[in-house]
Amino acid sequence: MKVLCICTANLQRSVTLEALLNATPGQEARSAGTHPSQGRHRITENDLTWADVVVVFEPDHVRHLRHHFYAFWKRAKPINLDVPDEYTAFTPELIEILGERIQRRFAITLSPMEAIR
């Protein structure tokens, strides 16, 4: 499954989930931001076309997609994992929350953090 992970800055939540999914057999992921910072990747139509599934982290991301990419949003609504922007990338707390939410939504068990390094 190809998963596009979208958060605001593309620095914490989306990059963590991208790395965890890419370390999980059978999964492929990319990440992007609605308002990326520090030179990170901003979401494009190509990203949305590439993905089988689009995962976001908060309602603002859904609104952004609806406003800027309405044709995509109408065709395939993103899945909101409801993870607030209060975690640092790759922290145990964030990894635990992401693992739990991905397991519940997709029945996928993410590879452990050690598989990334």
PDB file of N, CA and C in Angstrom:
ATOM      1  N   MET A   1       0.849  -1.175   0.000  1.00  0.00           N
ATOM      2  CA  MET A   1       0.000   0.000   0.000  1.00  0.00           C
ATOM      3  C   MET A   1       0.895   1.239   0.000  1.00  0.00           C
ATOM      4  N   LYS A   2       0.536   2.223  -0.798  1.00  0.00           N
ATOM      5  CA  LYS A   2       1.281   3.485  -0.867  1.00  0.00           C
ATOM      6  C   LYS A   2       0.508   4.531  -0.065  1.00  0.00           C
ATOM      7  N   VAL A   3       1.168   5.060   0.968  1.00  0.00           N
ATOM      8  CA  VAL A   3       0.531   5.989   1.895  1.00  0.00           C
ATOM      9  C   VAL A   3       1.224   7.344   1.828  1.00  0.00           C
ATOM     10  N   LEU A   4       0.427   8.382   1.635  1.00  0.00           N
ATOM     11  CA  LEU A   4       0.925   9.751   1.707  1.00  0.00           C
ATOM     12  C   LEU A   4       0.563  10.296   3.078  1.00  0.00           C
ATOM     13  N   CYS A   5       1.563  10.728   3.831  1.00  0.00           N
ATOM     14  CA  CYS A   5       1.385  11.242   5.188  1.00  0.00           C
ATOM     15  C   CYS A   5       1.508  12.762   5.138  1.00  0.00           C
ATOM     16  N   ILE A   6       0.455  13.465   5.516  1.00  0.00           N
ATOM     17  CA  ILE A   6       0.447  14.921   5.425  1.00  0.00           C
ATOM     18  C   ILE A   6       0.242  15.538   6.799  1.00  0.00           C
ATOM     19  N   CYS A   7       1.174  16.404   7.200  1.00  0.00           N
ATOM     20  CA  CYS A   7       0.973  17.223   8.394  1.00  0.00           C
ATOM     21  C   CYS A   7       1.233  18.677   8.006  1.00  0.00           C
ATOM     22  N   THR A   8       1.383  19.531   8.964  1.00  0.00           N
ATOM     23  CA  THR A   8       1.503  20.955   8.666  1.00  0.00           C
ATOM     24  C   THR A   8       2.888  21.297   8.133  1.00  0.00           C
ATOM     25  N   ALA A   9       3.914  21.096   8.943  1.00  0.00           N
ATOM     26  CA  ALA A   9       5.266  21.516   8.577  1.00  0.00           C
ATOM     27  C   ALA A   9       6.090  20.425   7.909  1.00  0.00           C
ATOM     28  N   ASN A  10       5.598  19.176   7.932  1.00  0.00           N
ATOM     29  CA  ASN A  10       6.337  18.042   7.395  1.00  0.00           C
ATOM     30  C   ASN A  10       7.670  17.872   8.130  1.00  0.00           C
ATOM     31  N   LEU A  11       7.600  18.030   9.455  1.00  0.00           N
ATOM     32  CA  LEU A  11       8.804  17.905  10.284  1.00  0.00           C
ATOM     33  C   LEU A  11       8.695  16.857  11.392  1.00  0.00           C
ATOM     34  N   GLN A  12       7.503  16.604  11.893  1.00  0.00           N
ATOM     35  CA  GLN A  12       7.377  15.746  13.072  1.00  0.00           C
ATOM     36  C   GLN A  12       6.529  14.505  12.776  1.00  0.00           C
ATOM     37  N   ARG A  13       5.217  14.705  12.735  1.00  0.00           N
ATOM     38  CA  ARG A  13       4.288  13.575  12.617  1.00  0.00           C
ATOM     39  C   ARG A  13       4.403  12.853  11.287  1.00  0.00           C
ATOM     40  N   SER A  14       4.366  13.594  10.195  1.00  0.00           N
ATOM     41  CA  SER A  14       4.351  12.944   8.878  1.00  0.00           C
ATOM     42  C   SER A  14       5.667  12.230   8.582  1.00  0.00           C
ATOM     43  N   VAL A  15       6.798  12.824   8.950  1.00  0.00           N
ATOM     44  CA  VAL A  15       8.082  12.162   8.665  1.00  0.00           C
ATOM     45  C   VAL A  15       8.274  10.924   9.535  1.00  0.00           C
ATOM     46  N   THR A  16       7.746  10.964  10.746  1.00  0.00           N
ATOM     47  CA  THR A  16       7.834   9.789  11.617  1.00  0.00           C
ATOM     48  C   THR A  16       7.013   8.649  11.045  1.00  0.00           C
ATOM     49  N   LEU A  17       5.773   8.930  10.666  1.00  0.00           N
ATOM     50  CA  LEU A  17       4.939   7.875  10.091  1.00  0.00           C
ATOM     51  C   LEU A  17       5.503   7.378   8.766  1.00  0.00           C
ATOM     52  N   GLU A  18       6.029   8.279   7.952  1.00  0.00           N
ATOM     53  CA  GLU A  18       6.653   7.876   6.689  1.00  0.00           C
ATOM     54  C   GLU A  18       7.771   6.870   6.941  1.00  0.00           C
ATOM     55  N   ALA A  19       8.662   7.165   7.864  1.00  0.00           N
ATOM     56  CA  ALA A  19       9.790   6.273   8.155  1.00  0.00           C
ATOM     57  C   ALA A  19       9.313   4.929   8.699  1.00  0.00           C
ATOM     58  N   LEU A  20       8.337   4.952   9.597  1.00  0.00           N
ATOM     59  CA  LEU A  20       7.820   3.706  10.162  1.00  0.00           C
ATOM     60  C   LEU A  20       7.153   2.848   9.095  1.00  0.00           C
ATOM     61  N   LEU A  21       6.374   3.468   8.225  1.00  0.00           N
ATOM     62  CA  LEU A  21       5.723   2.705   7.153  1.00  0.00           C
ATOM     63  C   LEU A  21       6.745   2.154   6.171  1.00  0.00           C
ATOM     64  N   ASN A  22       7.739   2.949   5.803  1.00  0.00           N
ATOM     65  CA  ASN A  22       8.756   2.475   4.862  1.00  0.00           C
ATOM     66  C   ASN A  22       9.586   1.331   5.432  1.00  0.00           C
ATOM     67  N   ALA A  23       9.673   1.237   6.743  1.00  0.00           N
ATOM     68  CA  ALA A  23      10.392   0.135   7.387  1.00  0.00           C
ATOM     69  C   ALA A  23       9.507  -1.098   7.567  1.00  0.00           C
ATOM     70  N   THR A  24       8.222  -0.970   7.242  1.00  0.00           N
ATOM     71  CA  THR A  24       7.262  -2.058   7.407  1.00  0.00           C
ATOM     72  C   THR A  24       7.088  -2.779   6.071  1.00  0.00           C
ATOM     73  N   PRO A  25       7.337  -4.072   6.033  1.00  0.00           N
ATOM     74  CA  PRO A  25       7.212  -4.812   4.768  1.00  0.00           C
ATOM     75  C   PRO A  25       5.839  -4.619   4.122  1.00  0.00           C
ATOM     76  N   GLY A  26       5.864  -4.417   2.814  1.00  0.00           N
ATOM     77  CA  GLY A  26       4.628  -4.269   2.058  1.00  0.00           C
ATOM     78  C   GLY A  26       4.065  -2.864   2.030  1.00  0.00           C
ATOM     79  N   GLN A  27       4.721  -1.933   2.698  1.00  0.00           N
ATOM     80  CA  GLN A  27       4.235  -0.558   2.751  1.00  0.00           C
ATOM     81  C   GLN A  27       5.250   0.368   2.085  1.00  0.00           C
ATOM     82  N   GLU A  28       4.726   1.411   1.480  1.00  0.00           N
ATOM     83  CA  GLU A  28       5.557   2.440   0.874  1.00  0.00           C
ATOM     84  C   GLU A  28       4.941   3.774   1.257  1.00  0.00           C
ATOM     85  N   ALA A  29       5.754   4.717   1.665  1.00  0.00           N
ATOM     86  CA  ALA A  29       5.205   5.991   2.138  1.00  0.00           C
ATOM     87  C   ALA A  29       6.032   7.173   1.663  1.00  0.00           C
ATOM     88  N   ARG A  30       5.341   8.291   1.585  1.00  0.00           N
ATOM     89  CA  ARG A  30       5.936   9.605   1.351  1.00  0.00           C
ATOM     90  C   ARG A  30       5.299  10.548   2.349  1.00  0.00           C
ATOM     91  N   SER A  31       5.941  11.697   2.552  1.00  0.00           N
ATOM     92  CA  SER A  31       5.340  12.695   3.427  1.00  0.00           C
ATOM     93  C   SER A  31       5.390  14.052   2.763  1.00  0.00           C
ATOM     94  N   ALA A  32       4.500  14.914   3.218  1.00  0.00           N
ATOM     95  CA  ALA A  32       4.418  16.277   2.696  1.00  0.00           C
ATOM     96  C   ALA A  32       3.748  17.143   3.748  1.00  0.00           C
ATOM     97  N   GLY A  33       3.845  18.445   3.541  1.00  0.00           N
ATOM     98  CA  GLY A  33       3.225  19.374   4.477  1.00  0.00           C
ATOM     99  C   GLY A  33       2.248  20.297   3.777  1.00  0.00           C
ATOM    100  N   THR A  34       1.270  20.752   4.532  1.00  0.00           N
ATOM    101  CA  THR A  34       0.347  21.759   3.997  1.00  0.00           C
ATOM    102  C   THR A  34       1.032  23.115   3.979  1.00  0.00           C
ATOM    103  N   HIS A  35       1.905  23.355   4.959  1.00  0.00           N
ATOM    104  CA  HIS A  35       2.695  24.585   5.063  1.00  0.00           C
ATOM    105  C   HIS A  35       4.084  24.200   5.563  1.00  0.00           C
ATOM    106  N   PRO A  36       4.857  23.529   4.710  1.00  0.00           N
ATOM    107  CA  PRO A  36       6.135  22.977   5.171  1.00  0.00           C
ATOM    108  C   PRO A  36       7.132  24.057   5.579  1.00  0.00           C
ATOM    109  N   SER A  37       8.013  23.675   6.477  1.00  0.00           N
ATOM    110  CA  SER A  37       9.067  24.599   6.898  1.00  0.00           C
ATOM    111  C   SER A  37      10.417  23.934   6.701  1.00  0.00           C
ATOM    112  N   GLN A  38      11.452  24.727   6.809  1.00  0.00           N
ATOM    113  CA  GLN A  38      12.833  24.263   6.711  1.00  0.00           C
ATOM    114  C   GLN A  38      13.095  23.493   5.410  1.00  0.00           C
ATOM    115  N   GLY A  39      12.470  23.936   4.316  1.00  0.00           N
ATOM    116  CA  GLY A  39      12.725  23.338   3.018  1.00  0.00           C
ATOM    117  C   GLY A  39      12.088  21.983   2.796  1.00  0.00           C
ATOM    118  N   ARG A  40      11.178  21.579   3.659  1.00  0.00           N
ATOM    119  CA  ARG A  40      10.521  20.279   3.513  1.00  0.00           C
ATOM    120  C   ARG A  40       9.548  20.305   2.331  1.00  0.00           C
ATOM    121  N   HIS A  41       8.978  19.172   1.996  1.00  0.00           N
ATOM    122  CA  HIS A  41       8.153  18.988   0.802  1.00  0.00           C
ATOM    123  C   HIS A  41       6.715  19.472   1.009  1.00  0.00           C
ATOM    124  N   ARG A  42       6.248  20.289   0.090  1.00  0.00           N
ATOM    125  CA  ARG A  42       4.853  20.745   0.105  1.00  0.00           C
ATOM    126  C   ARG A  42       4.030  19.793  -0.770  1.00  0.00           C
ATOM    127  N   ILE A  43       2.846  19.480  -0.320  1.00  0.00           N
ATOM    128  CA  ILE A  43       1.967  18.547  -1.025  1.00  0.00           C
ATOM    129  C   ILE A  43       1.680  19.014  -2.458  1.00  0.00           C
ATOM    130  N   THR A  44       1.656  18.047  -3.380  1.00  0.00           N
ATOM    131  CA  THR A  44       1.370  18.335  -4.781  1.00  0.00           C
ATOM    132  C   THR A  44       0.302  17.364  -5.297  1.00  0.00           C
ATOM    133  N   GLU A  45      -0.241  17.673  -6.452  1.00  0.00           N
ATOM    134  CA  GLU A  45      -1.194  16.754  -7.082  1.00  0.00           C
ATOM    135  C   GLU A  45      -0.523  15.417  -7.406  1.00  0.00           C
ATOM    136  N   ASN A  46       0.741  15.443  -7.781  1.00  0.00           N
ATOM    137  CA  ASN A  46       1.461  14.192  -8.056  1.00  0.00           C
ATOM    138  C   ASN A  46       1.509  13.296  -6.830  1.00  0.00           C
ATOM    139  N   ASP A  47       1.709  13.883  -5.657  1.00  0.00           N
ATOM    140  CA  ASP A  47       1.701  13.099  -4.414  1.00  0.00           C
ATOM    141  C   ASP A  47       0.353  12.414  -4.232  1.00  0.00           C
ATOM    142  N   LEU A  48      -0.703  13.172  -4.429  1.00  0.00           N
ATOM    143  CA  LEU A  48      -2.047  12.640  -4.227  1.00  0.00           C
ATOM    144  C   LEU A  48      -2.380  11.554  -5.235  1.00  0.00           C
ATOM    145  N   THR A  49      -1.921  11.714  -6.465  1.00  0.00           N
ATOM    146  CA  THR A  49      -2.153  10.714  -7.506  1.00  0.00           C
ATOM    147  C   THR A  49      -1.372   9.433  -7.211  1.00  0.00           C
ATOM    148  N   TRP A  50      -0.169   9.580  -6.685  1.00  0.00           N
ATOM    149  CA  TRP A  50       0.682   8.432  -6.358  1.00  0.00           C
ATOM    150  C   TRP A  50       0.075   7.557  -5.265  1.00  0.00           C
ATOM    151  N   ALA A  51      -0.560   8.160  -4.297  1.00  0.00           N
ATOM    152  CA  ALA A  51      -0.985   7.460  -3.082  1.00  0.00           C
ATOM    153  C   ALA A  51      -2.240   6.607  -3.271  1.00  0.00           C
ATOM    154  N   ASP A  52      -2.226   5.458  -2.587  1.00  0.00           N
ATOM    155  CA  ASP A  52      -3.448   4.657  -2.449  1.00  0.00           C
ATOM    156  C   ASP A  52      -4.296   5.212  -1.321  1.00  0.00           C
ATOM    157  N   VAL A  53      -3.610   5.713  -0.299  1.00  0.00           N
ATOM    158  CA  VAL A  53      -4.267   6.229   0.901  1.00  0.00           C
ATOM    159  C   VAL A  53      -3.569   7.513   1.316  1.00  0.00           C
ATOM    160  N   VAL A  54      -4.356   8.494   1.745  1.00  0.00           N
ATOM    161  CA  VAL A  54      -3.804   9.735   2.276  1.00  0.00           C
ATOM    162  C   VAL A  54      -4.188   9.825   3.746  1.00  0.00           C
ATOM    163  N   VAL A  55      -3.168  10.005   4.576  1.00  0.00           N
ATOM    164  CA  VAL A  55      -3.360  10.119   6.020  1.00  0.00           C
ATOM    165  C   VAL A  55      -2.992  11.536   6.443  1.00  0.00           C
ATOM    166  N   VAL A  56      -3.868  12.148   7.234  1.00  0.00           N
ATOM    167  CA  VAL A  56      -3.597  13.465   7.802  1.00  0.00           C
ATOM    168  C   VAL A  56      -3.690  13.348   9.320  1.00  0.00           C
ATOM    169  N   PHE A  57      -3.387  14.437  10.007  1.00  0.00           N
ATOM    170  CA  PHE A  57      -3.292  14.370  11.461  1.00  0.00           C
ATOM    171  C   PHE A  57      -4.262  15.267  12.207  1.00  0.00           C
ATOM    172  N   GLU A  58      -4.937  16.160  11.502  1.00  0.00           N
ATOM    173  CA  GLU A  58      -5.885  17.041  12.178  1.00  0.00           C
ATOM    174  C   GLU A  58      -6.883  17.623  11.169  1.00  0.00           C
ATOM    175  N   PRO A  59      -8.000  18.142  11.655  1.00  0.00           N
ATOM    176  CA  PRO A  59      -9.037  18.668  10.766  1.00  0.00           C
ATOM    177  C   PRO A  59      -8.554  19.773   9.820  1.00  0.00           C
ATOM    178  N   ASP A  60      -7.591  20.587  10.232  1.00  0.00           N
ATOM    179  CA  ASP A  60      -7.070  21.633   9.341  1.00  0.00           C
ATOM    180  C   ASP A  60      -6.461  21.044   8.071  1.00  0.00           C
ATOM    181  N   HIS A  61      -5.875  19.871   8.169  1.00  0.00           N
ATOM    182  CA  HIS A  61      -5.287  19.229   6.996  1.00  0.00           C
ATOM    183  C   HIS A  61      -6.389  18.781   6.031  1.00  0.00           C
ATOM    184  N   VAL A  62      -7.489  18.290   6.567  1.00  0.00           N
ATOM    185  CA  VAL A  62      -8.627  17.910   5.732  1.00  0.00           C
ATOM    186  C   VAL A  62      -9.162  19.142   5.006  1.00  0.00           C
ATOM    187  N   ARG A  63      -9.310  20.232   5.751  1.00  0.00           N
ATOM    188  CA  ARG A  63      -9.806  21.483   5.145  1.00  0.00           C
ATOM    189  C   ARG A  63      -8.855  21.975   4.054  1.00  0.00           C
ATOM    190  N   HIS A  64      -7.561  21.876   4.299  1.00  0.00           N
ATOM    191  CA  HIS A  64      -6.580  22.302   3.303  1.00  0.00           C
ATOM    192  C   HIS A  64      -6.746  21.497   2.004  1.00  0.00           C
ATOM    193  N   LEU A  65      -6.868  20.192   2.123  1.00  0.00           N
ATOM    194  CA  LEU A  65      -7.042  19.355   0.939  1.00  0.00           C
ATOM    195  C   LEU A  65      -8.345  19.675   0.220  1.00  0.00           C
ATOM    196  N   ARG A  66      -9.403  19.873   0.984  1.00  0.00           N
ATOM    197  CA  ARG A  66     -10.696  20.200   0.376  1.00  0.00           C
ATOM    198  C   ARG A  66     -10.613  21.529  -0.381  1.00  0.00           C
ATOM    199  N   HIS A  67      -9.923  22.497   0.176  1.00  0.00           N
ATOM    200  CA  HIS A  67      -9.824  23.818  -0.439  1.00  0.00           C
ATOM    201  C   HIS A  67      -8.873  23.842  -1.648  1.00  0.00           C
ATOM    202  N   HIS A  68      -7.702  23.233  -1.509  1.00  0.00           N
ATOM    203  CA  HIS A  68      -6.670  23.330  -2.539  1.00  0.00           C
ATOM    204  C   HIS A  68      -6.666  22.180  -3.552  1.00  0.00           C
ATOM    205  N   PHE A  69      -7.251  21.049  -3.170  1.00  0.00           N
ATOM    206  CA  PHE A  69      -7.254  19.874  -4.041  1.00  0.00           C
ATOM    207  C   PHE A  69      -8.648  19.245  -4.041  1.00  0.00           C
ATOM    208  N   TYR A  70      -9.651  20.042  -4.366  1.00  0.00           N
ATOM    209  CA  TYR A  70     -11.042  19.599  -4.231  1.00  0.00           C
ATOM    210  C   TYR A  70     -11.343  18.357  -5.064  1.00  0.00           C
ATOM    211  N   ALA A  71     -10.841  18.283  -6.276  1.00  0.00           N
ATOM    212  CA  ALA A  71     -11.121  17.124  -7.131  1.00  0.00           C
ATOM    213  C   ALA A  71     -10.631  15.841  -6.457  1.00  0.00           C
ATOM    214  N   PHE A  72      -9.444  15.895  -5.875  1.00  0.00           N
ATOM    215  CA  PHE A  72      -8.938  14.727  -5.152  1.00  0.00           C
ATOM    216  C   PHE A  72      -9.801  14.449  -3.926  1.00  0.00           C
ATOM    217  N   TRP A  73     -10.067  15.481  -3.139  1.00  0.00           N
ATOM    218  CA  TRP A  73     -10.811  15.317  -1.892  1.00  0.00           C
ATOM    219  C   TRP A  73     -12.180  14.704  -2.157  1.00  0.00           C
ATOM    220  N   LYS A  74     -12.810  15.116  -3.215  1.00  0.00           N
ATOM    221  CA  LYS A  74     -14.133  14.596  -3.566  1.00  0.00           C
ATOM    222  C   LYS A  74     -14.049  13.110  -3.939  1.00  0.00           C
ATOM    223  N   ARG A  75     -12.955  12.698  -4.550  1.00  0.00           N
ATOM    224  CA  ARG A  75     -12.771  11.330  -5.013  1.00  0.00           C
ATOM    225  C   ARG A  75     -12.326  10.383  -3.883  1.00  0.00           C
ATOM    226  N   ALA A  76     -11.441  10.849  -3.020  1.00  0.00           N
ATOM    227  CA  ALA A  76     -10.872   9.982  -1.985  1.00  0.00           C
ATOM    228  C   ALA A  76     -10.560  10.807  -0.741  1.00  0.00           C
ATOM    229  N   LYS A  77     -11.465  10.821   0.183  1.00  0.00           N
ATOM    230  CA  LYS A  77     -11.285  11.628   1.388  1.00  0.00           C
ATOM    231  C   LYS A  77     -10.133  11.083   2.245  1.00  0.00           C
ATOM    232  N   PRO A  78      -9.324  11.980   2.788  1.00  0.00           N
ATOM    233  CA  PRO A  78      -8.189  11.539   3.616  1.00  0.00           C
ATOM    234  C   PRO A  78      -8.662  10.964   4.948  1.00  0.00           C
ATOM    235  N   ILE A  79      -7.813  10.174   5.544  1.00  0.00           N
ATOM    236  CA  ILE A  79      -8.091   9.586   6.849  1.00  0.00           C
ATOM    237  C   ILE A  79      -7.361  10.407   7.899  1.00  0.00           C
ATOM    238  N   ASN A  80      -8.124  10.951   8.835  1.00  0.00           N
ATOM    239  CA  ASN A  80      -7.563  11.797   9.887  1.00  0.00           C
ATOM    240  C   ASN A  80      -7.231  10.934  11.102  1.00  0.00           C
ATOM    241  N   LEU A  81      -5.952  10.877  11.456  1.00  0.00           N
ATOM    242  CA  LEU A  81      -5.522  10.102  12.621  1.00  0.00           C
ATOM    243  C   LEU A  81      -5.684  10.848  13.933  1.00  0.00           C
ATOM    244  N   ASP A  82      -6.033  12.128  13.884  1.00  0.00           N
ATOM    245  CA  ASP A  82      -6.239  12.931  15.096  1.00  0.00           C
ATOM    246  C   ASP A  82      -5.057  12.857  16.054  1.00  0.00           C
ATOM    247  N   VAL A  83      -3.908  13.274  15.579  1.00  0.00           N
ATOM    248  CA  VAL A  83      -2.703  13.341  16.413  1.00  0.00           C
ATOM    249  C   VAL A  83      -2.300  14.809  16.475  1.00  0.00           C
ATOM    250  N   PRO A  84      -2.433  15.436  17.650  1.00  0.00           N
ATOM    251  CA  PRO A  84      -2.113  16.864  17.751  1.00  0.00           C
ATOM    252  C   PRO A  84      -0.636  17.159  17.506  1.00  0.00           C
ATOM    253  N   ASP A  85      -0.372  18.386  17.122  1.00  0.00           N
ATOM    254  CA  ASP A  85       0.992  18.821  16.813  1.00  0.00           C
ATOM    255  C   ASP A  85       1.719  19.193  18.099  1.00  0.00           C
ATOM    256  N   GLU A  86       1.939  18.200  18.938  1.00  0.00           N
ATOM    257  CA  GLU A  86       2.616  18.439  20.216  1.00  0.00           C
ATOM    258  C   GLU A  86       3.716  17.419  20.488  1.00  0.00           C
ATOM    259  N   TYR A  87       4.104  16.696  19.464  1.00  0.00           N
ATOM    260  CA  TYR A  87       5.128  15.667  19.619  1.00  0.00           C
ATOM    261  C   TYR A  87       6.345  15.997  18.765  1.00  0.00           C
ATOM    262  N   THR A  88       7.493  15.577  19.250  1.00  0.00           N
ATOM    263  CA  THR A  88       8.730  15.691  18.500  1.00  0.00           C
ATOM    264  C   THR A  88       8.893  14.424  17.660  1.00  0.00           C
ATOM    265  N   ALA A  89       9.479  14.567  16.496  1.00  0.00           N
ATOM    266  CA  ALA A  89       9.670  13.422  15.607  1.00  0.00           C
ATOM    267  C   ALA A  89      10.403  12.290  16.314  1.00  0.00           C
ATOM    268  N   PHE A  90       9.923  11.088  16.074  1.00  0.00           N
ATOM    269  CA  PHE A  90      10.556   9.845  16.505  1.00  0.00           C
ATOM    270  C   PHE A  90      10.622   9.640  18.019  1.00  0.00           C
ATOM    271  N   THR A  91       9.820  10.357  18.772  1.00  0.00           N
ATOM    272  CA  THR A  91       9.771  10.108  20.212  1.00  0.00           C
ATOM    273  C   THR A  91       8.932   8.863  20.483  1.00  0.00           C
ATOM    274  N   PRO A  92       9.213   8.158  21.564  1.00  0.00           N
ATOM    275  CA  PRO A  92       8.434   6.952  21.881  1.00  0.00           C
ATOM    276  C   PRO A  92       6.927   7.215  21.967  1.00  0.00           C
ATOM    277  N   GLU A  93       6.544   8.357  22.511  1.00  0.00           N
ATOM    278  CA  GLU A  93       5.114   8.665  22.639  1.00  0.00           C
ATOM    279  C   GLU A  93       4.447   8.773  21.269  1.00  0.00           C
ATOM    280  N   LEU A  94       5.082   9.476  20.348  1.00  0.00           N
ATOM    281  CA  LEU A  94       4.530   9.627  19.007  1.00  0.00           C
ATOM    282  C   LEU A  94       4.489   8.283  18.285  1.00  0.00           C
ATOM    283  N   ILE A  95       5.546   7.523  18.388  1.00  0.00           N
ATOM    284  CA  ILE A  95       5.599   6.214  17.738  1.00  0.00           C
ATOM    285  C   ILE A  95       4.497   5.303  18.270  1.00  0.00           C
ATOM    286  N   GLU A  96       4.273   5.320  19.564  1.00  0.00           N
ATOM    287  CA  GLU A  96       3.223   4.492  20.158  1.00  0.00           C
ATOM    288  C   GLU A  96       1.841   4.896  19.645  1.00  0.00           C
ATOM    289  N   ILE A  97       1.569   6.188  19.619  1.00  0.00           N
ATOM    290  CA  ILE A  97       0.270   6.673  19.136  1.00  0.00           C
ATOM    291  C   ILE A  97       0.073   6.309  17.665  1.00  0.00           C
ATOM    292  N   LEU A  98       1.088   6.542  16.851  1.00  0.00           N
ATOM    293  CA  LEU A  98       0.969   6.227  15.428  1.00  0.00           C
ATOM    294  C   LEU A  98       0.756   4.734  15.217  1.00  0.00           C
ATOM    295  N   GLY A  99       1.499   3.911  15.929  1.00  0.00           N
ATOM    296  CA  GLY A  99       1.337   2.463  15.807  1.00  0.00           C
ATOM    297  C   GLY A  99      -0.072   2.021  16.158  1.00  0.00           C
ATOM    298  N   GLU A 100      -0.605   2.568  17.221  1.00  0.00           N
ATOM    299  CA  GLU A 100      -1.961   2.236  17.663  1.00  0.00           C
ATOM    300  C   GLU A 100      -3.003   2.662  16.632  1.00  0.00           C
ATOM    301  N   ARG A 101      -2.878   3.878  16.117  1.00  0.00           N
ATOM    302  CA  ARG A 101      -3.874   4.401  15.164  1.00  0.00           C
ATOM    303  C   ARG A 101      -3.799   3.693  13.810  1.00  0.00           C
ATOM    304  N   ILE A 102      -2.591   3.378  13.353  1.00  0.00           N
ATOM    305  CA  ILE A 102      -2.440   2.666  12.083  1.00  0.00           C
ATOM    306  C   ILE A 102      -2.971   1.238  12.216  1.00  0.00           C
ATOM    307  N   GLN A 103      -2.704   0.607  13.340  1.00  0.00           N
ATOM    308  CA  GLN A 103      -3.217  -0.745  13.582  1.00  0.00           C
ATOM    309  C   GLN A 103      -4.747  -0.740  13.572  1.00  0.00           C
ATOM    310  N   ARG A 104      -5.339   0.218  14.241  1.00  0.00           N
ATOM    311  CA  ARG A 104      -6.796   0.297  14.335  1.00  0.00           C
ATOM    312  C   ARG A 104      -7.436   0.602  12.979  1.00  0.00           C
ATOM    313  N   ARG A 105      -6.855   1.518  12.222  1.00  0.00           N
ATOM    314  CA  ARG A 105      -7.451   1.945  10.944  1.00  0.00           C
ATOM    315  C   ARG A 105      -7.175   0.990   9.792  1.00  0.00           C
ATOM    316  N   PHE A 106      -5.963   0.394   9.765  1.00  0.00           N
ATOM    317  CA  PHE A 106      -5.547  -0.384   8.602  1.00  0.00           C
ATOM    318  C   PHE A 106      -5.164  -1.829   8.911  1.00  0.00           C
ATOM    319  N   ALA A 107      -5.189  -2.213  10.171  1.00  0.00           N
ATOM    320  CA  ALA A 107      -4.758  -3.549  10.586  1.00  0.00           C
ATOM    321  C   ALA A 107      -3.320  -3.829  10.146  1.00  0.00           C
ATOM    322  N   ILE A 108      -2.477  -2.801  10.224  1.00  0.00           N
ATOM    323  CA  ILE A 108      -1.060  -2.916   9.895  1.00  0.00           C
ATOM    324  C   ILE A 108      -0.264  -2.719  11.179  1.00  0.00           C
ATOM    325  N   THR A 109       0.636  -3.638  11.458  1.00  0.00           N
ATOM    326  CA  THR A 109       1.537  -3.483  12.594  1.00  0.00           C
ATOM    327  C   THR A 109       2.839  -2.880  12.064  1.00  0.00           C
ATOM    328  N   LEU A 110       3.129  -1.673  12.516  1.00  0.00           N
ATOM    329  CA  LEU A 110       4.333  -0.982  12.066  1.00  0.00           C
ATOM    330  C   LEU A 110       5.581  -1.671  12.603  1.00  0.00           C
ATOM    331  N   SER A 111       6.634  -1.643  11.804  1.00  0.00           N
ATOM    332  CA  SER A 111       7.917  -2.167  12.268  1.00  0.00           C
ATOM    333  C   SER A 111       8.401  -1.326  13.439  1.00  0.00           C
ATOM    334  N   PRO A 112       9.174  -1.927  14.344  1.00  0.00           N
ATOM    335  CA  PRO A 112       9.677  -1.145  15.481  1.00  0.00           C
ATOM    336  C   PRO A 112      10.682  -0.104  15.032  1.00  0.00           C
ATOM    337  N   MET A 113      10.900   0.871  15.889  1.00  0.00           N
ATOM    338  CA  MET A 113      11.792   1.968  15.606  1.00  0.00           C
ATOM    339  C   MET A 113      13.196   1.490  15.218  1.00  0.00           C
ATOM    340  N   GLU A 114      13.626   0.400  15.804  1.00  0.00           N
ATOM    341  CA  GLU A 114      14.958  -0.113  15.528  1.00  0.00           C
ATOM    342  C   GLU A 114      15.132  -0.471  14.052  1.00  0.00           C
ATOM    343  N   ALA A 115      14.050  -0.783  13.370  1.00  0.00           N
ATOM    344  CA  ALA A 115      14.120  -1.151  11.952  1.00  0.00           C
ATOM    345  C   ALA A 115      14.459   0.042  11.076  1.00  0.00           C
ATOM    346  N   ILE A 116      14.269   1.250  11.586  1.00  0.00           N
ATOM    347  CA  ILE A 116      14.527   2.462  10.815  1.00  0.00           C
ATOM    348  C   ILE A 116      16.010   2.777  10.803  1.00  0.00           C
ATOM    349  N   ARG A 117      16.666   2.577  11.896  1.00  0.00           N
ATOM    350  CA  ARG A 117      18.064   2.975  12.030  1.00  0.00           C
ATOM    351  C   ARG A 117      19.026   1.997  11.454  1.00  0.00           C
TER     352      ARG A 117
END
